[in-house]
Amino acid sequence: MEADTYAALNQPGVGWFAMIIIGLLAGWIAERVTDSDHGLFSNLIFGLIGAFLGKYLAEMAAVPVFGFFRTLIAATIGAIIVLFLWRKIRGR
């Protein structure tokens, strides 16, 4: 494999397409954990908001978040927190 290709595949961040996939997965996992019933678009929104919250909380705890799986874990934790707060605000 060429050095440029290897360097591009070894970057610690994720791209926008991978972030959409992570948001969908994190929203879906959070939906299952919290026994909620949302659609695909809601899962994406909760997952993406959860990704920002999870990254913020990880930075506060000095936990490095990079790559697909660490971002997915942080996004899932954040999405669970967002869904929990959403359900408390909505009164369900």
PDB file of N, CA and C in Angstrom:
ATOM      1  N   MET A   1       0.848  -1.162   0.000  1.00  0.00           N
ATOM      2  CA  MET A   1       0.000   0.000   0.000  1.00  0.00           C
ATOM      3  C   MET A   1       0.899   1.232   0.000  1.00  0.00           C
ATOM      4  N   GLU A   2       0.472   2.260  -0.715  1.00  0.00           N
ATOM      5  CA  GLU A   2       1.265   3.482  -0.779  1.00  0.00           C
ATOM      6  C   GLU A   2       1.218   4.221   0.556  1.00  0.00           C
ATOM      7  N   ALA A   3       2.250   5.006   0.811  1.00  0.00           N
ATOM      8  CA  ALA A   3       2.351   5.727   2.082  1.00  0.00           C
ATOM      9  C   ALA A   3       1.231   6.751   2.237  1.00  0.00           C
ATOM     10  N   ASP A   4       0.854   7.436   1.139  1.00  0.00           N
ATOM     11  CA  ASP A   4      -0.221   8.426   1.220  1.00  0.00           C
ATOM     12  C   ASP A   4      -1.553   7.764   1.545  1.00  0.00           C
ATOM     13  N   THR A   5      -1.820   6.620   0.951  1.00  0.00           N
ATOM     14  CA  THR A   5      -3.069   5.909   1.217  1.00  0.00           C
ATOM     15  C   THR A   5      -3.102   5.431   2.655  1.00  0.00           C
ATOM     16  N   TYR A   6      -2.017   4.876   3.135  1.00  0.00           N
ATOM     17  CA  TYR A   6      -1.956   4.393   4.508  1.00  0.00           C
ATOM     18  C   TYR A   6      -2.144   5.546   5.490  1.00  0.00           C
ATOM     19  N   ALA A   7      -1.535   6.694   5.199  1.00  0.00           N
ATOM     20  CA  ALA A   7      -1.664   7.851   6.086  1.00  0.00           C
ATOM     21  C   ALA A   7      -3.106   8.347   6.118  1.00  0.00           C
ATOM     22  N   ALA A   8      -3.785   8.316   4.985  1.00  0.00           N
ATOM     23  CA  ALA A   8      -5.179   8.765   4.936  1.00  0.00           C
ATOM     24  C   ALA A   8      -6.082   7.814   5.713  1.00  0.00           C
ATOM     25  N   LEU A   9      -5.806   6.523   5.680  1.00  0.00           N
ATOM     26  CA  LEU A   9      -6.624   5.560   6.401  1.00  0.00           C
ATOM     27  C   LEU A   9      -6.320   5.544   7.894  1.00  0.00           C
ATOM     28  N   ASN A  10      -5.215   6.106   8.292  1.00  0.00           N
ATOM     29  CA  ASN A  10      -4.778   6.069   9.680  1.00  0.00           C
ATOM     30  C   ASN A  10      -5.117   7.353  10.437  1.00  0.00           C
ATOM     31  N   GLN A  11      -5.928   8.234   9.865  1.00  0.00           N
ATOM     32  CA  GLN A  11      -6.268   9.494  10.521  1.00  0.00           C
ATOM     33  C   GLN A  11      -7.168   9.230  11.722  1.00  0.00           C
ATOM     34  N   PRO A  12      -6.970   9.951  12.819  1.00  0.00           N
ATOM     35  CA  PRO A  12      -7.747   9.693  14.026  1.00  0.00           C
ATOM     36  C   PRO A  12      -9.198  10.158  13.953  1.00  0.00           C
ATOM     37  N   GLY A  13      -9.520  11.145  13.127  1.00  0.00           N
ATOM     38  CA  GLY A  13     -10.885  11.650  13.039  1.00  0.00           C
ATOM     39  C   GLY A  13     -11.732  10.831  12.088  1.00  0.00           C
ATOM     40  N   VAL A  14     -13.022  11.111  12.096  1.00  0.00           N
ATOM     41  CA  VAL A  14     -13.926  10.462  11.157  1.00  0.00           C
ATOM     42  C   VAL A  14     -14.475  11.529  10.225  1.00  0.00           C
ATOM     43  N   GLY A  15     -14.849  11.119   9.033  1.00  0.00           N
ATOM     44  CA  GLY A  15     -15.402  12.042   8.056  1.00  0.00           C
ATOM     45  C   GLY A  15     -16.896  12.252   8.265  1.00  0.00           C
ATOM     46  N   TRP A  16     -17.475  13.076   7.392  1.00  0.00           N
ATOM     47  CA  TRP A  16     -18.889  13.404   7.561  1.00  0.00           C
ATOM     48  C   TRP A  16     -19.784  12.201   7.277  1.00  0.00           C
ATOM     49  N   PHE A  17     -19.412  11.363   6.312  1.00  0.00           N
ATOM     50  CA  PHE A  17     -20.223  10.182   6.020  1.00  0.00           C
ATOM     51  C   PHE A  17     -20.165   9.189   7.178  1.00  0.00           C
ATOM     52  N   ALA A  18     -18.982   8.985   7.725  1.00  0.00           N
ATOM     53  CA  ALA A  18     -18.835   8.090   8.869  1.00  0.00           C
ATOM     54  C   ALA A  18     -19.576   8.651  10.083  1.00  0.00           C
ATOM     55  N   MET A  19     -19.612   9.977  10.224  1.00  0.00           N
ATOM     56  CA  MET A  19     -20.325  10.581  11.343  1.00  0.00           C
ATOM     57  C   MET A  19     -21.828  10.370  11.221  1.00  0.00           C
ATOM     58  N   ILE A  20     -22.357  10.377  10.007  1.00  0.00           N
ATOM     59  CA  ILE A  20     -23.776  10.089   9.802  1.00  0.00           C
ATOM     60  C   ILE A  20     -24.077   8.645  10.186  1.00  0.00           C
ATOM     61  N   ILE A  21     -23.208   7.720   9.773  1.00  0.00           N
ATOM     62  CA  ILE A  21     -23.381   6.313  10.130  1.00  0.00           C
ATOM     63  C   ILE A  21     -23.293   6.133  11.645  1.00  0.00           C
ATOM     64  N   ILE A  22     -22.321   6.786  12.271  1.00  0.00           N
ATOM     65  CA  ILE A  22     -22.173   6.714  13.725  1.00  0.00           C
ATOM     66  C   ILE A  22     -23.397   7.301  14.415  1.00  0.00           C
ATOM     67  N   GLY A  23     -23.909   8.419  13.906  1.00  0.00           N
ATOM     68  CA  GLY A  23     -25.103   9.026  14.487  1.00  0.00           C
ATOM     69  C   GLY A  23     -26.312   8.115  14.403  1.00  0.00           C
ATOM     70  N   LEU A  24     -26.483   7.460  13.253  1.00  0.00           N
ATOM     71  CA  LEU A  24     -27.597   6.521  13.100  1.00  0.00           C
ATOM     72  C   LEU A  24     -27.465   5.340  14.053  1.00  0.00           C
ATOM     73  N   LEU A  25     -26.270   4.776  14.125  1.00  0.00           N
ATOM     74  CA  LEU A  25     -26.041   3.637  15.015  1.00  0.00           C
ATOM     75  C   LEU A  25     -26.210   4.025  16.484  1.00  0.00           C
ATOM     76  N   ALA A  26     -25.647   5.164  16.859  1.00  0.00           N
ATOM     77  CA  ALA A  26     -25.742   5.607  18.247  1.00  0.00           C
ATOM     78  C   ALA A  26     -27.192   5.908  18.621  1.00  0.00           C
ATOM     79  N   GLY A  27     -27.934   6.538  17.726  1.00  0.00           N
ATOM     80  CA  GLY A  27     -29.343   6.815  17.980  1.00  0.00           C
ATOM     81  C   GLY A  27     -30.152   5.538  18.095  1.00  0.00           C
ATOM     82  N   TRP A  28     -29.862   4.563  17.255  1.00  0.00           N
ATOM     83  CA  TRP A  28     -30.577   3.288  17.295  1.00  0.00           C
ATOM     84  C   TRP A  28     -30.271   2.524  18.584  1.00  0.00           C
ATOM     85  N   ILE A  29     -28.988   2.497  18.969  1.00  0.00           N
ATOM     86  CA  ILE A  29     -28.604   1.813  20.209  1.00  0.00           C
ATOM     87  C   ILE A  29     -29.256   2.506  21.407  1.00  0.00           C
ATOM     88  N   ALA A  30     -29.220   3.840  21.412  1.00  0.00           N
ATOM     89  CA  ALA A  30     -29.827   4.579  22.515  1.00  0.00           C
ATOM     90  C   ALA A  30     -31.336   4.354  22.564  1.00  0.00           C
ATOM     91  N   GLU A  31     -31.956   4.238  21.391  1.00  0.00           N
ATOM     92  CA  GLU A  31     -33.391   3.955  21.335  1.00  0.00           C
ATOM     93  C   GLU A  31     -33.699   2.608  21.968  1.00  0.00           C
ATOM     94  N   ARG A  32     -32.887   1.616  21.697  1.00  0.00           N
ATOM     95  CA  ARG A  32     -33.095   0.272  22.264  1.00  0.00           C
ATOM     96  C   ARG A  32     -32.834   0.251  23.767  1.00  0.00           C
ATOM     97  N   VAL A  33     -31.808   0.964  24.211  1.00  0.00           N
ATOM     98  CA  VAL A  33     -31.456   0.974  25.633  1.00  0.00           C
ATOM     99  C   VAL A  33     -32.540   1.668  26.452  1.00  0.00           C
ATOM    100  N   THR A  34     -33.105   2.754  25.928  1.00  0.00           N
ATOM    101  CA  THR A  34     -34.094   3.530  26.677  1.00  0.00           C
ATOM    102  C   THR A  34     -35.524   3.098  26.398  1.00  0.00           C
ATOM    103  N   ASP A  35     -35.728   2.041  25.652  1.00  0.00           N
ATOM    104  CA  ASP A  35     -37.064   1.540  25.294  1.00  0.00           C
ATOM    105  C   ASP A  35     -37.928   2.624  24.667  1.00  0.00           C
ATOM    106  N   SER A  36     -37.340   3.397  23.778  1.00  0.00           N
ATOM    107  CA  SER A  36     -38.062   4.432  23.054  1.00  0.00           C
ATOM    108  C   SER A  36     -38.513   3.889  21.710  1.00  0.00           C
ATOM    109  N   ASP A  37     -39.338   4.644  21.031  1.00  0.00           N
ATOM    110  CA  ASP A  37     -39.792   4.255  19.700  1.00  0.00           C
ATOM    111  C   ASP A  37     -39.755   5.490  18.801  1.00  0.00           C
ATOM    112  N   HIS A  38     -38.669   5.616  18.051  1.00  0.00           N
ATOM    113  CA  HIS A  38     -38.469   6.757  17.166  1.00  0.00           C
ATOM    114  C   HIS A  38     -38.240   6.256  15.756  1.00  0.00           C
ATOM    115  N   GLY A  39     -38.265   7.186  14.836  1.00  0.00           N
ATOM    116  CA  GLY A  39     -37.973   6.850  13.453  1.00  0.00           C
ATOM    117  C   GLY A  39     -36.499   7.014  13.147  1.00  0.00           C
ATOM    118  N   LEU A  40     -36.154   6.777  11.908  1.00  0.00           N
ATOM    119  CA  LEU A  40     -34.767   6.848  11.452  1.00  0.00           C
ATOM    120  C   LEU A  40     -34.208   8.264  11.585  1.00  0.00           C
ATOM    121  N   PHE A  41     -35.002   9.259  11.205  1.00  0.00           N
ATOM    122  CA  PHE A  41     -34.536  10.642  11.280  1.00  0.00           C
ATOM    123  C   PHE A  41     -34.298  11.062  12.731  1.00  0.00           C
ATOM    124  N   SER A  42     -35.191  10.675  13.631  1.00  0.00           N
ATOM    125  CA  SER A  42     -35.008  11.003  15.047  1.00  0.00           C
ATOM    126  C   SER A  42     -33.774  10.320  15.610  1.00  0.00           C
ATOM    127  N   ASN A  43     -33.542   9.079  15.202  1.00  0.00           N
ATOM    128  CA  ASN A  43     -32.332   8.379  15.649  1.00  0.00           C
ATOM    129  C   ASN A  43     -31.092   9.122  15.191  1.00  0.00           C
ATOM    130  N   LEU A  44     -31.099   9.620  13.958  1.00  0.00           N
ATOM    131  CA  LEU A  44     -29.953  10.374  13.436  1.00  0.00           C
ATOM    132  C   LEU A  44     -29.745  11.646  14.250  1.00  0.00           C
ATOM    133  N   ILE A  45     -30.807  12.378  14.506  1.00  0.00           N
ATOM    134  CA  ILE A  45     -30.696  13.634  15.246  1.00  0.00           C
ATOM    135  C   ILE A  45     -30.188  13.380  16.670  1.00  0.00           C
ATOM    136  N   PHE A  46     -30.812  12.417  17.371  1.00  0.00           N
ATOM    137  CA  PHE A  46     -30.367  12.113  18.730  1.00  0.00           C
ATOM    138  C   PHE A  46     -28.932  11.592  18.739  1.00  0.00           C
ATOM    139  N   GLY A  47     -28.561  10.810  17.740  1.00  0.00           N
ATOM    140  CA  GLY A  47     -27.203  10.288  17.652  1.00  0.00           C
ATOM    141  C   GLY A  47     -26.174  11.377  17.412  1.00  0.00           C
ATOM    142  N   LEU A  48     -26.493  12.324  16.533  1.00  0.00           N
ATOM    143  CA  LEU A  48     -25.547  13.407  16.249  1.00  0.00           C
ATOM    144  C   LEU A  48     -25.424  14.365  17.433  1.00  0.00           C
ATOM    145  N   ILE A  49     -26.541  14.689  18.056  1.00  0.00           N
ATOM    146  CA  ILE A  49     -26.480  15.531  19.263  1.00  0.00           C
ATOM    147  C   ILE A  49     -25.726  14.786  20.365  1.00  0.00           C
ATOM    148  N   GLY A  50     -25.993  13.494  20.481  1.00  0.00           N
ATOM    149  CA  GLY A  50     -25.289  12.686  21.463  1.00  0.00           C
ATOM    150  C   GLY A  50     -23.799  12.605  21.193  1.00  0.00           C
ATOM    151  N   ALA A  51     -23.413  12.629  19.925  1.00  0.00           N
ATOM    152  CA  ALA A  51     -21.985  12.604  19.588  1.00  0.00           C
ATOM    153  C   ALA A  51     -21.285  13.865  20.092  1.00  0.00           C
ATOM    154  N   PHE A  52     -21.928  15.008  19.928  1.00  0.00           N
ATOM    155  CA  PHE A  52     -21.335  16.244  20.426  1.00  0.00           C
ATOM    156  C   PHE A  52     -21.279  16.245  21.952  1.00  0.00           C
ATOM    157  N   LEU A  53     -22.353  15.795  22.583  1.00  0.00           N
ATOM    158  CA  LEU A  53     -22.375  15.737  24.041  1.00  0.00           C
ATOM    159  C   LEU A  53     -21.359  14.724  24.566  1.00  0.00           C
ATOM    160  N   GLY A  54     -21.303  13.556  23.941  1.00  0.00           N
ATOM    161  CA  GLY A  54     -20.358  12.524  24.362  1.00  0.00           C
ATOM    162  C   GLY A  54     -18.916  12.965  24.218  1.00  0.00           C
ATOM    163  N   LYS A  55     -18.615  13.663  23.127  1.00  0.00           N
ATOM    164  CA  LYS A  55     -17.249  14.169  22.922  1.00  0.00           C
ATOM    165  C   LYS A  55     -16.910  15.223  23.975  1.00  0.00           C
ATOM    166  N   TYR A  56     -17.869  16.082  24.273  1.00  0.00           N
ATOM    167  CA  TYR A  56     -17.647  17.107  25.288  1.00  0.00           C
ATOM    168  C   TYR A  56     -17.397  16.476  26.662  1.00  0.00           C
ATOM    169  N   LEU A  57     -18.222  15.496  27.019  1.00  0.00           N
ATOM    170  CA  LEU A  57     -18.053  14.827  28.311  1.00  0.00           C
ATOM    171  C   LEU A  57     -16.740  14.050  28.382  1.00  0.00           C
ATOM    172  N   ALA A  58     -16.358  13.443  27.262  1.00  0.00           N
ATOM    173  CA  ALA A  58     -15.083  12.714  27.239  1.00  0.00           C
ATOM    174  C   ALA A  58     -13.906  13.667  27.383  1.00  0.00           C
ATOM    175  N   GLU A  59     -14.000  14.846  26.756  1.00  0.00           N
ATOM    176  CA  GLU A  59     -12.929  15.828  26.906  1.00  0.00           C
ATOM    177  C   GLU A  59     -12.832  16.321  28.344  1.00  0.00           C
ATOM    178  N   MET A  60     -13.973  16.481  29.004  1.00  0.00           N
ATOM    179  CA  MET A  60     -13.965  16.906  30.407  1.00  0.00           C
ATOM    180  C   MET A  60     -13.328  15.840  31.297  1.00  0.00           C
ATOM    181  N   ALA A  61     -13.515  14.564  30.935  1.00  0.00           N
ATOM    182  CA  ALA A  61     -12.942  13.463  31.711  1.00  0.00           C
ATOM    183  C   ALA A  61     -11.543  13.090  31.228  1.00  0.00           C
ATOM    184  N   ALA A  62     -11.003  13.826  30.262  1.00  0.00           N
ATOM    185  CA  ALA A  62      -9.667  13.590  29.701  1.00  0.00           C
ATOM    186  C   ALA A  62      -9.551  12.209  29.060  1.00  0.00           C
ATOM    187  N   VAL A  63     -10.614  11.764  28.409  1.00  0.00           N
ATOM    188  CA  VAL A  63     -10.617  10.497  27.679  1.00  0.00           C
ATOM    189  C   VAL A  63     -10.516  10.821  26.192  1.00  0.00           C
ATOM    190  N   PRO A  64      -9.493  10.330  25.501  1.00  0.00           N
ATOM    191  CA  PRO A  64      -9.370  10.644  24.073  1.00  0.00           C
ATOM    192  C   PRO A  64     -10.436   9.921  23.252  1.00  0.00           C
ATOM    193  N   VAL A  65     -11.082  10.674  22.361  1.00  0.00           N
ATOM    194  CA  VAL A  65     -12.101  10.118  21.476  1.00  0.00           C
ATOM    195  C   VAL A  65     -11.641  10.340  20.040  1.00  0.00           C
ATOM    196  N   PHE A  66     -11.316   9.249  19.370  1.00  0.00           N
ATOM    197  CA  PHE A  66     -10.932   9.310  17.964  1.00  0.00           C
ATOM    198  C   PHE A  66     -11.234   7.964  17.339  1.00  0.00           C
ATOM    199  N   GLY A  67     -11.370   7.935  16.066  1.00  0.00           N
ATOM    200  CA  GLY A  67     -11.654   6.690  15.378  1.00  0.00           C
ATOM    201  C   GLY A  67     -13.126   6.318  15.453  1.00  0.00           C
ATOM    202  N   PHE A  68     -13.492   5.288  14.710  1.00  0.00           N
ATOM    203  CA  PHE A  68     -14.892   4.900  14.561  1.00  0.00           C
ATOM    204  C   PHE A  68     -15.495   4.384  15.860  1.00  0.00           C
ATOM    205  N   PHE A  69     -14.855   3.415  16.494  1.00  0.00           N
ATOM    206  CA  PHE A  69     -15.462   2.760  17.647  1.00  0.00           C
ATOM    207  C   PHE A  69     -15.495   3.647  18.889  1.00  0.00           C
ATOM    208  N   ARG A  70     -14.450   4.402  19.129  1.00  0.00           N
ATOM    209  CA  ARG A  70     -14.466   5.306  20.288  1.00  0.00           C
ATOM    210  C   ARG A  70     -15.497   6.408  20.088  1.00  0.00           C
ATOM    211  N   THR A  71     -15.626   6.895  18.867  1.00  0.00           N
ATOM    212  CA  THR A  71     -16.641   7.902  18.585  1.00  0.00           C
ATOM    213  C   THR A  71     -18.032   7.308  18.735  1.00  0.00           C
ATOM    214  N   LEU A  72     -18.215   6.059  18.301  1.00  0.00           N
ATOM    215  CA  LEU A  72     -19.505   5.394  18.449  1.00  0.00           C
ATOM    216  C   LEU A  72     -19.872   5.219  19.917  1.00  0.00           C
ATOM    217  N   ILE A  73     -18.928   4.848  20.742  1.00  0.00           N
ATOM    218  CA  ILE A  73     -19.190   4.678  22.174  1.00  0.00           C
ATOM    219  C   ILE A  73     -19.552   6.014  22.814  1.00  0.00           C
ATOM    220  N   ALA A  74     -18.786   7.057  22.510  1.00  0.00           N
ATOM    221  CA  ALA A  74     -19.075   8.380  23.066  1.00  0.00           C
ATOM    222  C   ALA A  74     -20.420   8.898  22.573  1.00  0.00           C
ATOM    223  N   ALA A  75     -20.721   8.686  21.299  1.00  0.00           N
ATOM    224  CA  ALA A  75     -21.998   9.138  20.742  1.00  0.00           C
ATOM    225  C   ALA A  75     -23.167   8.376  21.348  1.00  0.00           C
ATOM    226  N   THR A  76     -22.992   7.099  21.590  1.00  0.00           N
ATOM    227  CA  THR A  76     -24.061   6.300  22.184  1.00  0.00           C
ATOM    228  C   THR A  76     -24.335   6.746  23.620  1.00  0.00           C
ATOM    229  N   ILE A  77     -23.301   6.965  24.381  1.00  0.00           N
ATOM    230  CA  ILE A  77     -23.485   7.444  25.757  1.00  0.00           C
ATOM    231  C   ILE A  77     -24.162   8.814  25.752  1.00  0.00           C
ATOM    232  N   GLY A  78     -23.704   9.680  24.864  1.00  0.00           N
ATOM    233  CA  GLY A  78     -24.324  11.002  24.752  1.00  0.00           C
ATOM    234  C   GLY A  78     -25.774  10.917  24.309  1.00  0.00           C
ATOM    235  N   ALA A  79     -26.082  10.037  23.364  1.00  0.00           N
ATOM    236  CA  ALA A  79     -27.458   9.893  22.876  1.00  0.00           C
ATOM    237  C   ALA A  79     -28.369   9.331  23.959  1.00  0.00           C
ATOM    238  N   ILE A  80     -27.860   8.426  24.771  1.00  0.00           N
ATOM    239  CA  ILE A  80     -28.657   7.897  25.889  1.00  0.00           C
ATOM    240  C   ILE A  80     -28.978   9.018  26.866  1.00  0.00           C
ATOM    241  N   ILE A  81     -28.012   9.856  27.154  1.00  0.00           N
ATOM    242  CA  ILE A  81     -28.241  10.985  28.061  1.00  0.00           C
ATOM    243  C   ILE A  81     -29.252  11.957  27.459  1.00  0.00           C
ATOM    244  N   VAL A  82     -29.105  12.256  26.164  1.00  0.00           N
ATOM    245  CA  VAL A  82     -30.034  13.173  25.495  1.00  0.00           C
ATOM    246  C   VAL A  82     -31.443  12.598  25.483  1.00  0.00           C
ATOM    247  N   LEU A  83     -31.588  11.316  25.178  1.00  0.00           N
ATOM    248  CA  LEU A  83     -32.914  10.695  25.187  1.00  0.00           C
ATOM    249  C   LEU A  83     -33.519  10.673  26.583  1.00  0.00           C
ATOM    250  N   PHE A  84     -32.704  10.414  27.585  1.00  0.00           N
ATOM    251  CA  PHE A  84     -33.179  10.429  28.966  1.00  0.00           C
ATOM    252  C   PHE A  84     -33.705  11.814  29.328  1.00  0.00           C
ATOM    253  N   LEU A  85     -32.925  12.847  29.006  1.00  0.00           N
ATOM    254  CA  LEU A  85     -33.350  14.222  29.292  1.00  0.00           C
ATOM    255  C   LEU A  85     -34.586  14.594  28.485  1.00  0.00           C
ATOM    256  N   TRP A  86     -34.650  14.169  27.234  1.00  0.00           N
ATOM    257  CA  TRP A  86     -35.788  14.447  26.364  1.00  0.00           C
ATOM    258  C   TRP A  86     -37.067  13.852  26.948  1.00  0.00           C
ATOM    259  N   ARG A  87     -36.960  12.617  27.423  1.00  0.00           N
ATOM    260  CA  ARG A  87     -38.138  11.967  28.008  1.00  0.00           C
ATOM    261  C   ARG A  87     -38.549  12.623  29.318  1.00  0.00           C
ATOM    262  N   LYS A  88     -37.592  13.112  30.096  1.00  0.00           N
ATOM    263  CA  LYS A  88     -37.933  13.834  31.334  1.00  0.00           C
ATOM    264  C   LYS A  88     -38.619  15.154  31.031  1.00  0.00           C
ATOM    265  N   ILE A  89     -38.156  15.857  30.023  1.00  0.00           N
ATOM    266  CA  ILE A  89     -38.744  17.148  29.649  1.00  0.00           C
ATOM    267  C   ILE A  89     -40.148  16.932  29.077  1.00  0.00           C
ATOM    268  N   ARG A  90     -40.308  15.922  28.241  1.00  0.00           N
ATOM    269  CA  ARG A  90     -41.609  15.659  27.625  1.00  0.00           C
ATOM    270  C   ARG A  90     -42.588  15.016  28.595  1.00  0.00           C
ATOM    271  N   GLY A  91     -42.116  14.499  29.719  1.00  0.00           N
ATOM    272  CA  GLY A  91     -42.982  13.949  30.741  1.00  0.00           C
ATOM    273  C   GLY A  91     -43.447  12.519  30.507  1.00  0.00           C
ATOM    274  N   ARG A  92     -42.673  11.730  29.798  1.00  0.00           N
ATOM    275  CA  ARG A  92     -43.050  10.332  29.564  1.00  0.00           C
ATOM    276  C   ARG A  92     -42.363   9.439  30.535  1.00  0.00           C
TER     277      ARG A  92
END
